[in-house]
């Protein structure tokens, strides 16, 4: 994504954090080779849309997922942890679209 290339990823929770359909990439159902093939063909047949998704991917990396912004999120997260509050996965630094 940092190279302004959209991504085709399986539609699973880890990838859903980073890839939003038709914004910076596309999802397909795990194991569905035909759906993956159709997403690849879509990329080839729609260069303008793919350029837009690639730009969105690149912008998202530069704005929100760079090391500086991630460091800030984790510092805030650890400040909360230092108050001995119970840990919940939902309290991890947010990934915003």
PDB file of N, CA and C in Angstrom:
ATOM      1  N   UNK A   1       0.821  -1.192   0.000  1.00  0.00           N
ATOM      2  CA  UNK A   1       0.000   0.000   0.000  1.00  0.00           C
ATOM      3  C   UNK A   1       0.864   1.255   0.000  1.00  0.00           C
ATOM      4  N   UNK A   2       2.037   1.193   0.616  1.00  0.00           N
ATOM      5  CA  UNK A   2       2.936   2.344   0.612  1.00  0.00           C
ATOM      6  C   UNK A   2       3.423   2.656  -0.795  1.00  0.00           C
ATOM      7  N   UNK A   3       3.327   1.679  -1.687  1.00  0.00           N
ATOM      8  CA  UNK A   3       3.725   1.875  -3.087  1.00  0.00           C
ATOM      9  C   UNK A   3       2.546   2.281  -3.958  1.00  0.00           C
ATOM     10  N   UNK A   4       1.454   2.700  -3.335  1.00  0.00           N
ATOM     11  CA  UNK A   4       0.239   3.119  -4.038  1.00  0.00           C
ATOM     12  C   UNK A   4      -0.373   1.987  -4.848  1.00  0.00           C
ATOM     13  N   UNK A   5      -0.315   0.784  -4.274  1.00  0.00           N
ATOM     14  CA  UNK A   5      -0.938  -0.376  -4.913  1.00  0.00           C
ATOM     15  C   UNK A   5      -2.053  -0.893  -4.011  1.00  0.00           C
ATOM     16  N   UNK A   6      -3.267  -1.011  -4.537  1.00  0.00           N
ATOM     17  CA  UNK A   6      -4.342  -1.587  -3.733  1.00  0.00           C
ATOM     18  C   UNK A   6      -4.075  -3.071  -3.499  1.00  0.00           C
ATOM     19  N   UNK A   7      -4.793  -3.644  -2.548  1.00  0.00           N
ATOM     20  CA  UNK A   7      -4.554  -5.013  -2.118  1.00  0.00           C
ATOM     21  C   UNK A   7      -5.803  -5.860  -2.318  1.00  0.00           C
ATOM     22  N   UNK A   8      -5.600  -7.116  -2.669  1.00  0.00           N
ATOM     23  CA  UNK A   8      -6.665  -8.118  -2.640  1.00  0.00           C
ATOM     24  C   UNK A   8      -6.334  -9.024  -1.469  1.00  0.00           C
ATOM     25  N   UNK A   9      -7.228  -9.096  -0.498  1.00  0.00           N
ATOM     26  CA  UNK A   9      -6.965  -9.860   0.720  1.00  0.00           C
ATOM     27  C   UNK A   9      -8.183 -10.700   1.089  1.00  0.00           C
ATOM     28  N   UNK A  10      -7.936 -11.748   1.858  1.00  0.00           N
ATOM     29  CA  UNK A  10      -9.055 -12.554   2.344  1.00  0.00           C
ATOM     30  C   UNK A  10      -9.918 -11.709   3.277  1.00  0.00           C
ATOM     31  N   UNK A  11     -11.183 -12.016   3.317  1.00  0.00           N
ATOM     32  CA  UNK A  11     -12.135 -11.273   4.136  1.00  0.00           C
ATOM     33  C   UNK A  11     -12.141 -11.852   5.549  1.00  0.00           C
ATOM     34  N   UNK A  12     -11.043 -11.633   6.266  1.00  0.00           N
ATOM     35  CA  UNK A  12     -10.885 -12.101   7.640  1.00  0.00           C
ATOM     36  C   UNK A  12     -10.584 -10.902   8.538  1.00  0.00           C
ATOM     37  N   UNK A  13     -10.883 -11.005   9.833  1.00  0.00           N
ATOM     38  CA  UNK A  13     -10.704  -9.860  10.731  1.00  0.00           C
ATOM     39  C   UNK A  13      -9.331  -9.179  10.670  1.00  0.00           C
ATOM     40  N   UNK A  14      -8.209  -9.897  10.630  1.00  0.00           N
ATOM     41  CA  UNK A  14      -6.932  -9.149  10.589  1.00  0.00           C
ATOM     42  C   UNK A  14      -6.802  -8.243   9.362  1.00  0.00           C
ATOM     43  N   UNK A  15      -7.233  -8.716   8.214  1.00  0.00           N
ATOM     44  CA  UNK A  15      -7.134  -7.912   7.004  1.00  0.00           C
ATOM     45  C   UNK A  15      -8.184  -6.800   6.978  1.00  0.00           C
ATOM     46  N   UNK A  16      -9.312  -7.019   7.627  1.00  0.00           N
ATOM     47  CA  UNK A  16     -10.375  -6.011   7.649  1.00  0.00           C
ATOM     48  C   UNK A  16      -9.940  -4.744   8.376  1.00  0.00           C
ATOM     49  N   UNK A  17      -8.929  -4.865   9.230  1.00  0.00           N
ATOM     50  CA  UNK A  17      -8.410  -3.687   9.926  1.00  0.00           C
ATOM     51  C   UNK A  17      -7.786  -2.723   8.930  1.00  0.00           C
ATOM     52  N   UNK A  18      -7.096  -3.269   7.941  1.00  0.00           N
ATOM     53  CA  UNK A  18      -6.309  -2.442   7.031  1.00  0.00           C
ATOM     54  C   UNK A  18      -6.944  -2.232   5.665  1.00  0.00           C
ATOM     55  N   UNK A  19      -7.736  -3.179   5.202  1.00  0.00           N
ATOM     56  CA  UNK A  19      -8.289  -3.125   3.849  1.00  0.00           C
ATOM     57  C   UNK A  19      -9.784  -2.868   3.929  1.00  0.00           C
ATOM     58  N   UNK A  20     -10.222  -1.814   3.274  1.00  0.00           N
ATOM     59  CA  UNK A  20     -11.648  -1.502   3.177  1.00  0.00           C
ATOM     60  C   UNK A  20     -12.038  -1.650   1.707  1.00  0.00           C
ATOM     61  N   UNK A  21     -13.032  -2.495   1.454  1.00  0.00           N
ATOM     62  CA  UNK A  21     -13.460  -2.764   0.082  1.00  0.00           C
ATOM     63  C   UNK A  21     -13.740  -1.479  -0.689  1.00  0.00           C
ATOM     64  N   UNK A  22     -13.215  -1.445  -1.898  1.00  0.00           N
ATOM     65  CA  UNK A  22     -13.404  -0.341  -2.843  1.00  0.00           C
ATOM     66  C   UNK A  22     -12.847   0.989  -2.349  1.00  0.00           C
ATOM     67  N   UNK A  23     -12.093   0.977  -1.258  1.00  0.00           N
ATOM     68  CA  UNK A  23     -11.403   2.181  -0.792  1.00  0.00           C
ATOM     69  C   UNK A  23      -9.904   2.047  -1.049  1.00  0.00           C
ATOM     70  N   UNK A  24      -9.302   0.975  -0.516  1.00  0.00           N
ATOM     71  CA  UNK A  24      -7.881   0.758  -0.734  1.00  0.00           C
ATOM     72  C   UNK A  24      -7.563  -0.679  -1.148  1.00  0.00           C
ATOM     73  N   UNK A  25      -8.598  -1.420  -1.488  1.00  0.00           N
ATOM     74  CA  UNK A  25      -8.408  -2.795  -1.931  1.00  0.00           C
ATOM     75  C   UNK A  25      -9.729  -3.530  -2.024  1.00  0.00           C
ATOM     76  N   UNK A  26      -9.620  -4.834  -2.155  1.00  0.00           N
ATOM     77  CA  UNK A  26     -10.799  -5.697  -2.272  1.00  0.00           C
ATOM     78  C   UNK A  26     -10.607  -6.933  -1.402  1.00  0.00           C
ATOM     79  N   UNK A  27     -11.719  -7.501  -0.939  1.00  0.00           N
ATOM     80  CA  UNK A  27     -11.693  -8.747  -0.173  1.00  0.00           C
ATOM     81  C   UNK A  27     -12.313  -9.875  -0.988  1.00  0.00           C
ATOM     82  N   UNK A  28     -11.890 -11.089  -0.665  1.00  0.00           N
ATOM     83  CA  UNK A  28     -12.531 -12.285  -1.198  1.00  0.00           C
ATOM     84  C   UNK A  28     -12.651 -13.298  -0.067  1.00  0.00           C
ATOM     85  N   UNK A  29     -13.578 -14.224  -0.205  1.00  0.00           N
ATOM     86  CA  UNK A  29     -13.785 -15.235   0.822  1.00  0.00           C
ATOM     87  C   UNK A  29     -12.631 -16.231   0.815  1.00  0.00           C
ATOM     88  N   UNK A  30     -12.091 -16.558   1.985  1.00  0.00           N
ATOM     89  CA  UNK A  30     -10.971 -17.498   2.052  1.00  0.00           C
ATOM     90  C   UNK A  30     -11.296 -18.810   1.336  1.00  0.00           C
ATOM     91  N   UNK A  31     -10.381 -19.254   0.516  1.00  0.00           N
ATOM     92  CA  UNK A  31     -10.540 -20.514  -0.201  1.00  0.00           C
ATOM     93  C   UNK A  31     -11.322 -20.425  -1.493  1.00  0.00           C
ATOM     94  N   UNK A  32     -11.925 -19.294  -1.767  1.00  0.00           N
ATOM     95  CA  UNK A  32     -12.728 -19.139  -2.976  1.00  0.00           C
ATOM     96  C   UNK A  32     -11.846 -18.641  -4.122  1.00  0.00           C
ATOM     97  N   UNK A  33     -11.241 -19.575  -4.826  1.00  0.00           N
ATOM     98  CA  UNK A  33     -10.300 -19.249  -5.893  1.00  0.00           C
ATOM     99  C   UNK A  33     -10.979 -18.481  -7.020  1.00  0.00           C
ATOM    100  N   UNK A  34     -12.228 -18.828  -7.325  1.00  0.00           N
ATOM    101  CA  UNK A  34     -12.939 -18.128  -8.397  1.00  0.00           C
ATOM    102  C   UNK A  34     -13.179 -16.661  -8.036  1.00  0.00           C
ATOM    103  N   UNK A  35     -13.504 -16.406  -6.778  1.00  0.00           N
ATOM    104  CA  UNK A  35     -13.714 -15.014  -6.363  1.00  0.00           C
ATOM    105  C   UNK A  35     -12.391 -14.244  -6.409  1.00  0.00           C
ATOM    106  N   UNK A  36     -11.310 -14.866  -5.963  1.00  0.00           N
ATOM    107  CA  UNK A  36      -9.991 -14.227  -6.061  1.00  0.00           C
ATOM    108  C   UNK A  36      -9.659 -13.914  -7.511  1.00  0.00           C
ATOM    109  N   UNK A  37      -9.917 -14.871  -8.386  1.00  0.00           N
ATOM    110  CA  UNK A  37      -9.670 -14.658  -9.817  1.00  0.00           C
ATOM    111  C   UNK A  37     -10.494 -13.476 -10.330  1.00  0.00           C
ATOM    112  N   UNK A  38     -11.750 -13.404  -9.933  1.00  0.00           N
ATOM    113  CA  UNK A  38     -12.601 -12.306 -10.415  1.00  0.00           C
ATOM    114  C   UNK A  38     -12.109 -10.954  -9.902  1.00  0.00           C
ATOM    115  N   UNK A  39     -11.568 -10.902  -8.683  1.00  0.00           N
ATOM    116  CA  UNK A  39     -11.017  -9.647  -8.156  1.00  0.00           C
ATOM    117  C   UNK A  39      -9.771  -9.246  -8.943  1.00  0.00           C
ATOM    118  N   UNK A  40      -8.945 -10.214  -9.312  1.00  0.00           N
ATOM    119  CA  UNK A  40      -7.751  -9.930 -10.105  1.00  0.00           C
ATOM    120  C   UNK A  40      -8.136  -9.409 -11.488  1.00  0.00           C
ATOM    121  N   UNK A  41      -9.134 -10.038 -12.093  1.00  0.00           N
ATOM    122  CA  UNK A  41      -9.612  -9.587 -13.402  1.00  0.00           C
ATOM    123  C   UNK A  41     -10.192  -8.171 -13.279  1.00  0.00           C
ATOM    124  N   UNK A  42     -10.901  -7.914 -12.202  1.00  0.00           N
ATOM    125  CA  UNK A  42     -11.456  -6.583 -11.972  1.00  0.00           C
ATOM    126  C   UNK A  42     -10.335  -5.542 -11.949  1.00  0.00           C
ATOM    127  N   UNK A  43      -9.244  -5.852 -11.250  1.00  0.00           N
ATOM    128  CA  UNK A  43      -8.096  -4.942 -11.225  1.00  0.00           C
ATOM    129  C   UNK A  43      -7.593  -4.662 -12.636  1.00  0.00           C
ATOM    130  N   UNK A  44      -7.466  -5.697 -13.430  1.00  0.00           N
ATOM    131  CA  UNK A  44      -6.950  -5.535 -14.786  1.00  0.00           C
ATOM    132  C   UNK A  44      -7.900  -4.741 -15.681  1.00  0.00           C
ATOM    133  N   UNK A  45      -9.195  -4.915 -15.472  1.00  0.00           N
ATOM    134  CA  UNK A  45     -10.204  -4.269 -16.325  1.00  0.00           C
ATOM    135  C   UNK A  45     -10.573  -2.847 -15.899  1.00  0.00           C
ATOM    136  N   UNK A  46     -10.124  -2.405 -14.729  1.00  0.00           N
ATOM    137  CA  UNK A  46     -10.539  -1.099 -14.200  1.00  0.00           C
ATOM    138  C   UNK A  46      -9.342  -0.287 -13.708  1.00  0.00           C
ATOM    139  N   UNK A  47      -8.459   0.101 -14.614  1.00  0.00           N
ATOM    140  CA  UNK A  47      -7.233   0.783 -14.176  1.00  0.00           C
ATOM    141  C   UNK A  47      -7.474   2.112 -13.456  1.00  0.00           C
ATOM    142  N   UNK A  48      -8.482   2.862 -13.829  1.00  0.00           N
ATOM    143  CA  UNK A  48      -8.741   4.143 -13.166  1.00  0.00           C
ATOM    144  C   UNK A  48      -9.171   3.928 -11.717  1.00  0.00           C
ATOM    145  N   UNK A  49     -10.077   2.993 -11.501  1.00  0.00           N
ATOM    146  CA  UNK A  49     -10.518   2.701 -10.135  1.00  0.00           C
ATOM    147  C   UNK A  49      -9.370   2.158  -9.303  1.00  0.00           C
ATOM    148  N   UNK A  50      -8.519   1.353  -9.922  1.00  0.00           N
ATOM    149  CA  UNK A  50      -7.380   0.787  -9.208  1.00  0.00           C
ATOM    150  C   UNK A  50      -6.390   1.892  -8.842  1.00  0.00           C
ATOM    151  N   UNK A  51      -6.190   2.851  -9.722  1.00  0.00           N
ATOM    152  CA  UNK A  51      -5.329   3.990  -9.389  1.00  0.00           C
ATOM    153  C   UNK A  51      -5.887   4.764  -8.201  1.00  0.00           C
ATOM    154  N   UNK A  52      -7.206   4.971  -8.177  1.00  0.00           N
ATOM    155  CA  UNK A  52      -7.833   5.676  -7.054  1.00  0.00           C
ATOM    156  C   UNK A  52      -7.664   4.903  -5.755  1.00  0.00           C
ATOM    157  N   UNK A  53      -7.891   3.590  -5.796  1.00  0.00           N
ATOM    158  CA  UNK A  53      -7.705   2.772  -4.599  1.00  0.00           C
ATOM    159  C   UNK A  53      -6.254   2.795  -4.149  1.00  0.00           C
ATOM    160  N   UNK A  54      -5.333   2.767  -5.108  1.00  0.00           N
ATOM    161  CA  UNK A  54      -3.913   2.826  -4.782  1.00  0.00           C
ATOM    162  C   UNK A  54      -3.544   4.143  -4.123  1.00  0.00           C
ATOM    163  N   UNK A  55      -4.106   5.232  -4.625  1.00  0.00           N
ATOM    164  CA  UNK A  55      -3.856   6.537  -4.010  1.00  0.00           C
ATOM    165  C   UNK A  55      -4.396   6.556  -2.590  1.00  0.00           C
ATOM    166  N   UNK A  56      -5.610   6.025  -2.393  1.00  0.00           N
ATOM    167  CA  UNK A  56      -6.188   5.966  -1.046  1.00  0.00           C
ATOM    168  C   UNK A  56      -5.308   5.142  -0.109  1.00  0.00           C
ATOM    169  N   UNK A  57      -4.799   4.018  -0.611  1.00  0.00           N
ATOM    170  CA  UNK A  57      -3.929   3.164   0.202  1.00  0.00           C
ATOM    171  C   UNK A  57      -2.672   3.921   0.607  1.00  0.00           C
ATOM    172  N   UNK A  58      -2.063   4.587  -0.351  1.00  0.00           N
ATOM    173  CA  UNK A  58      -0.838   5.354  -0.085  1.00  0.00           C
ATOM    174  C   UNK A  58      -1.099   6.477   0.909  1.00  0.00           C
ATOM    175  N   UNK A  59      -2.187   7.209   0.709  1.00  0.00           N
ATOM    176  CA  UNK A  59      -2.522   8.308   1.613  1.00  0.00           C
ATOM    177  C   UNK A  59      -2.772   7.808   3.032  1.00  0.00           C
ATOM    178  N   UNK A  60      -3.462   6.681   3.147  1.00  0.00           N
ATOM    179  CA  UNK A  60      -3.759   6.119   4.472  1.00  0.00           C
ATOM    180  C   UNK A  60      -2.475   5.743   5.200  1.00  0.00           C
ATOM    181  N   UNK A  61      -1.547   5.157   4.491  1.00  0.00           N
ATOM    182  CA  UNK A  61      -0.250   4.808   5.094  1.00  0.00           C
ATOM    183  C   UNK A  61       0.455   6.074   5.572  1.00  0.00           C
ATOM    184  N   UNK A  62       0.515   7.074   4.720  1.00  0.00           N
ATOM    185  CA  UNK A  62       1.231   8.307   5.075  1.00  0.00           C
ATOM    186  C   UNK A  62       0.578   9.070   6.215  1.00  0.00           C
ATOM    187  N   UNK A  63      -0.750   9.084   6.264  1.00  0.00           N
ATOM    188  CA  UNK A  63      -1.446   9.881   7.263  1.00  0.00           C
ATOM    189  C   UNK A  63      -1.604   9.178   8.602  1.00  0.00           C
ATOM    190  N   UNK A  64      -1.973   7.903   8.578  1.00  0.00           N
ATOM    191  CA  UNK A  64      -2.394   7.246   9.809  1.00  0.00           C
ATOM    192  C   UNK A  64      -1.537   6.061  10.256  1.00  0.00           C
ATOM    193  N   UNK A  65      -0.909   5.397   9.332  1.00  0.00           N
ATOM    194  CA  UNK A  65      -0.201   4.171   9.700  1.00  0.00           C
ATOM    195  C   UNK A  65       1.309   4.326   9.625  1.00  0.00           C
ATOM    196  N   UNK A  66       1.784   5.550   9.670  1.00  0.00           N
ATOM    197  CA  UNK A  66       3.231   5.755   9.682  1.00  0.00           C
ATOM    198  C   UNK A  66       3.743   5.543  11.105  1.00  0.00           C
ATOM    199  N   UNK A  67       5.035   5.425  11.253  1.00  0.00           N
ATOM    200  CA  UNK A  67       5.591   5.090  12.567  1.00  0.00           C
ATOM    201  C   UNK A  67       5.306   6.171  13.609  1.00  0.00           C
ATOM    202  N   UNK A  68       5.298   7.442  13.209  1.00  0.00           N
ATOM    203  CA  UNK A  68       5.054   8.504  14.180  1.00  0.00           C
ATOM    204  C   UNK A  68       3.652   8.424  14.776  1.00  0.00           C
ATOM    205  N   UNK A  69       2.646   8.245  13.928  1.00  0.00           N
ATOM    206  CA  UNK A  69       1.276   8.174  14.451  1.00  0.00           C
ATOM    207  C   UNK A  69       1.065   6.903  15.265  1.00  0.00           C
ATOM    208  N   UNK A  70       1.677   5.802  14.856  1.00  0.00           N
ATOM    209  CA  UNK A  70       1.551   4.559  15.614  1.00  0.00           C
ATOM    210  C   UNK A  70       2.245   4.671  16.974  1.00  0.00           C
ATOM    211  N   UNK A  71       3.390   5.320  17.011  1.00  0.00           N
ATOM    212  CA  UNK A  71       4.086   5.506  18.285  1.00  0.00           C
ATOM    213  C   UNK A  71       3.221   6.302  19.251  1.00  0.00           C
ATOM    214  N   UNK A  72       2.579   7.350  18.761  1.00  0.00           N
ATOM    215  CA  UNK A  72       1.698   8.151  19.611  1.00  0.00           C
ATOM    216  C   UNK A  72       0.571   7.294  20.172  1.00  0.00           C
ATOM    217  N   UNK A  73      -0.067   6.474  19.324  1.00  0.00           N
ATOM    218  CA  UNK A  73      -1.163   5.621  19.778  1.00  0.00           C
ATOM    219  C   UNK A  73      -0.699   4.649  20.845  1.00  0.00           C
ATOM    220  N   UNK A  74       0.480   4.081  20.671  1.00  0.00           N
ATOM    221  CA  UNK A  74       0.966   3.109  21.647  1.00  0.00           C
ATOM    222  C   UNK A  74       1.407   3.767  22.946  1.00  0.00           C
ATOM    223  N   UNK A  75       1.943   4.969  22.880  1.00  0.00           N
ATOM    224  CA  UNK A  75       2.285   5.686  24.110  1.00  0.00           C
ATOM    225  C   UNK A  75       1.014   5.919  24.919  1.00  0.00           C
ATOM    226  N   UNK A  76      -0.039   6.372  24.262  1.00  0.00           N
ATOM    227  CA  UNK A  76      -1.310   6.586  24.961  1.00  0.00           C
ATOM    228  C   UNK A  76      -1.850   5.275  25.536  1.00  0.00           C
ATOM    229  N   UNK A  77      -1.739   4.207  24.780  1.00  0.00           N
ATOM    230  CA  UNK A  77      -2.193   2.895  25.243  1.00  0.00           C
ATOM    231  C   UNK A  77      -1.434   2.484  26.506  1.00  0.00           C
ATOM    232  N   UNK A  78      -0.115   2.618  26.497  1.00  0.00           N
ATOM    233  CA  UNK A  78       0.679   2.201  27.654  1.00  0.00           C
ATOM    234  C   UNK A  78       0.471   3.116  28.857  1.00  0.00           C
ATOM    235  N   UNK A  79       0.156   4.368  28.625  1.00  0.00           N
ATOM    236  CA  UNK A  79      -0.182   5.248  29.749  1.00  0.00           C
ATOM    237  C   UNK A  79      -1.406   4.705  30.485  1.00  0.00           C
ATOM    238  N   UNK A  80      -2.396   4.237  29.730  1.00  0.00           N
ATOM    239  CA  UNK A  80      -3.576   3.635  30.359  1.00  0.00           C
ATOM    240  C   UNK A  80      -3.219   2.354  31.099  1.00  0.00           C
ATOM    241  N   UNK A  81      -2.365   1.555  30.519  1.00  0.00           N
ATOM    242  CA  UNK A  81      -1.969   0.295  31.150  1.00  0.00           C
ATOM    243  C   UNK A  81      -1.213   0.536  32.457  1.00  0.00           C
ATOM    244  N   UNK A  82      -0.478   1.622  32.515  1.00  0.00           N
ATOM    245  CA  UNK A  82       0.290   1.920  33.714  1.00  0.00           C
ATOM    246  C   UNK A  82      -0.611   2.273  34.898  1.00  0.00           C
ATOM    247  N   UNK A  83      -1.867   2.550  34.629  1.00  0.00           N
ATOM    248  CA  UNK A  83      -2.833   2.830  35.691  1.00  0.00           C
ATOM    249  C   UNK A  83      -3.459   1.545  36.229  1.00  0.00           C
ATOM    250  N   UNK A  84      -2.910   0.408  35.809  1.00  0.00           N
ATOM    251  CA  UNK A  84      -3.354  -0.915  36.264  1.00  0.00           C
ATOM    252  C   UNK A  84      -4.816  -1.216  35.977  1.00  0.00           C
ATOM    253  N   UNK A  85      -5.325  -0.674  34.913  1.00  0.00           N
ATOM    254  CA  UNK A  85      -6.680  -0.999  34.504  1.00  0.00           C
ATOM    255  C   UNK A  85      -6.658  -2.356  33.801  1.00  0.00           C
ATOM    256  N   UNK A  86      -7.743  -3.105  33.875  1.00  0.00           N
ATOM    257  CA  UNK A  86      -7.767  -4.405  33.188  1.00  0.00           C
ATOM    258  C   UNK A  86      -7.554  -4.243  31.689  1.00  0.00           C
ATOM    259  N   UNK A  87      -6.870  -5.176  31.115  1.00  0.00           N
ATOM    260  CA  UNK A  87      -6.583  -5.147  29.687  1.00  0.00           C
ATOM    261  C   UNK A  87      -7.744  -5.736  28.903  1.00  0.00           C
ATOM    262  N   UNK A  88      -8.156  -5.044  27.879  1.00  0.00           N
ATOM    263  CA  UNK A  88      -9.152  -5.546  26.946  1.00  0.00           C
ATOM    264  C   UNK A  88      -8.622  -5.307  25.550  1.00  0.00           C
ATOM    265  N   UNK A  89      -8.814  -6.259  24.680  1.00  0.00           N
ATOM    266  CA  UNK A  89      -8.329  -6.108  23.310  1.00  0.00           C
ATOM    267  C   UNK A  89      -8.891  -4.861  22.649  1.00  0.00           C
ATOM    268  N   UNK A  90     -10.103  -4.502  23.009  1.00  0.00           N
ATOM    269  CA  UNK A  90     -10.734  -3.330  22.403  1.00  0.00           C
ATOM    270  C   UNK A  90     -10.042  -2.027  22.790  1.00  0.00           C
ATOM    271  N   UNK A  91      -9.146  -2.069  23.771  1.00  0.00           N
ATOM    272  CA  UNK A  91      -8.444  -0.871  24.190  1.00  0.00           C
ATOM    273  C   UNK A  91      -7.139  -0.658  23.430  1.00  0.00           C
ATOM    274  N   UNK A  92      -6.832  -1.524  22.504  1.00  0.00           N
ATOM    275  CA  UNK A  92      -5.641  -1.315  21.682  1.00  0.00           C
ATOM    276  C   UNK A  92      -5.811  -0.031  20.886  1.00  0.00           C
ATOM    277  N   UNK A  93      -4.720   0.569  20.485  1.00  0.00           N
ATOM    278  CA  UNK A  93      -4.849   1.790  19.686  1.00  0.00           C
ATOM    279  C   UNK A  93      -5.739   1.563  18.481  1.00  0.00           C
ATOM    280  N   UNK A  94      -6.625   2.503  18.208  1.00  0.00           N
ATOM    281  CA  UNK A  94      -7.595   2.297  17.114  1.00  0.00           C
ATOM    282  C   UNK A  94      -6.958   2.388  15.731  1.00  0.00           C
ATOM    283  N   UNK A  95      -7.552   1.683  14.806  1.00  0.00           N
ATOM    284  CA  UNK A  95      -7.223   1.792  13.398  1.00  0.00           C
ATOM    285  C   UNK A  95      -8.414   2.447  12.742  1.00  0.00           C
ATOM    286  N   UNK A  96      -8.259   3.664  12.326  1.00  0.00           N
ATOM    287  CA  UNK A  96      -9.393   4.420  11.793  1.00  0.00           C
ATOM    288  C   UNK A  96      -9.316   4.509  10.278  1.00  0.00           C
ATOM    289  N   UNK A  97     -10.483   4.468   9.635  1.00  0.00           N
ATOM    290  CA  UNK A  97     -10.576   4.696   8.200  1.00  0.00           C
ATOM    291  C   UNK A  97     -11.140   6.055   7.942  1.00  0.00           C
TER     292      UNK A  97
END
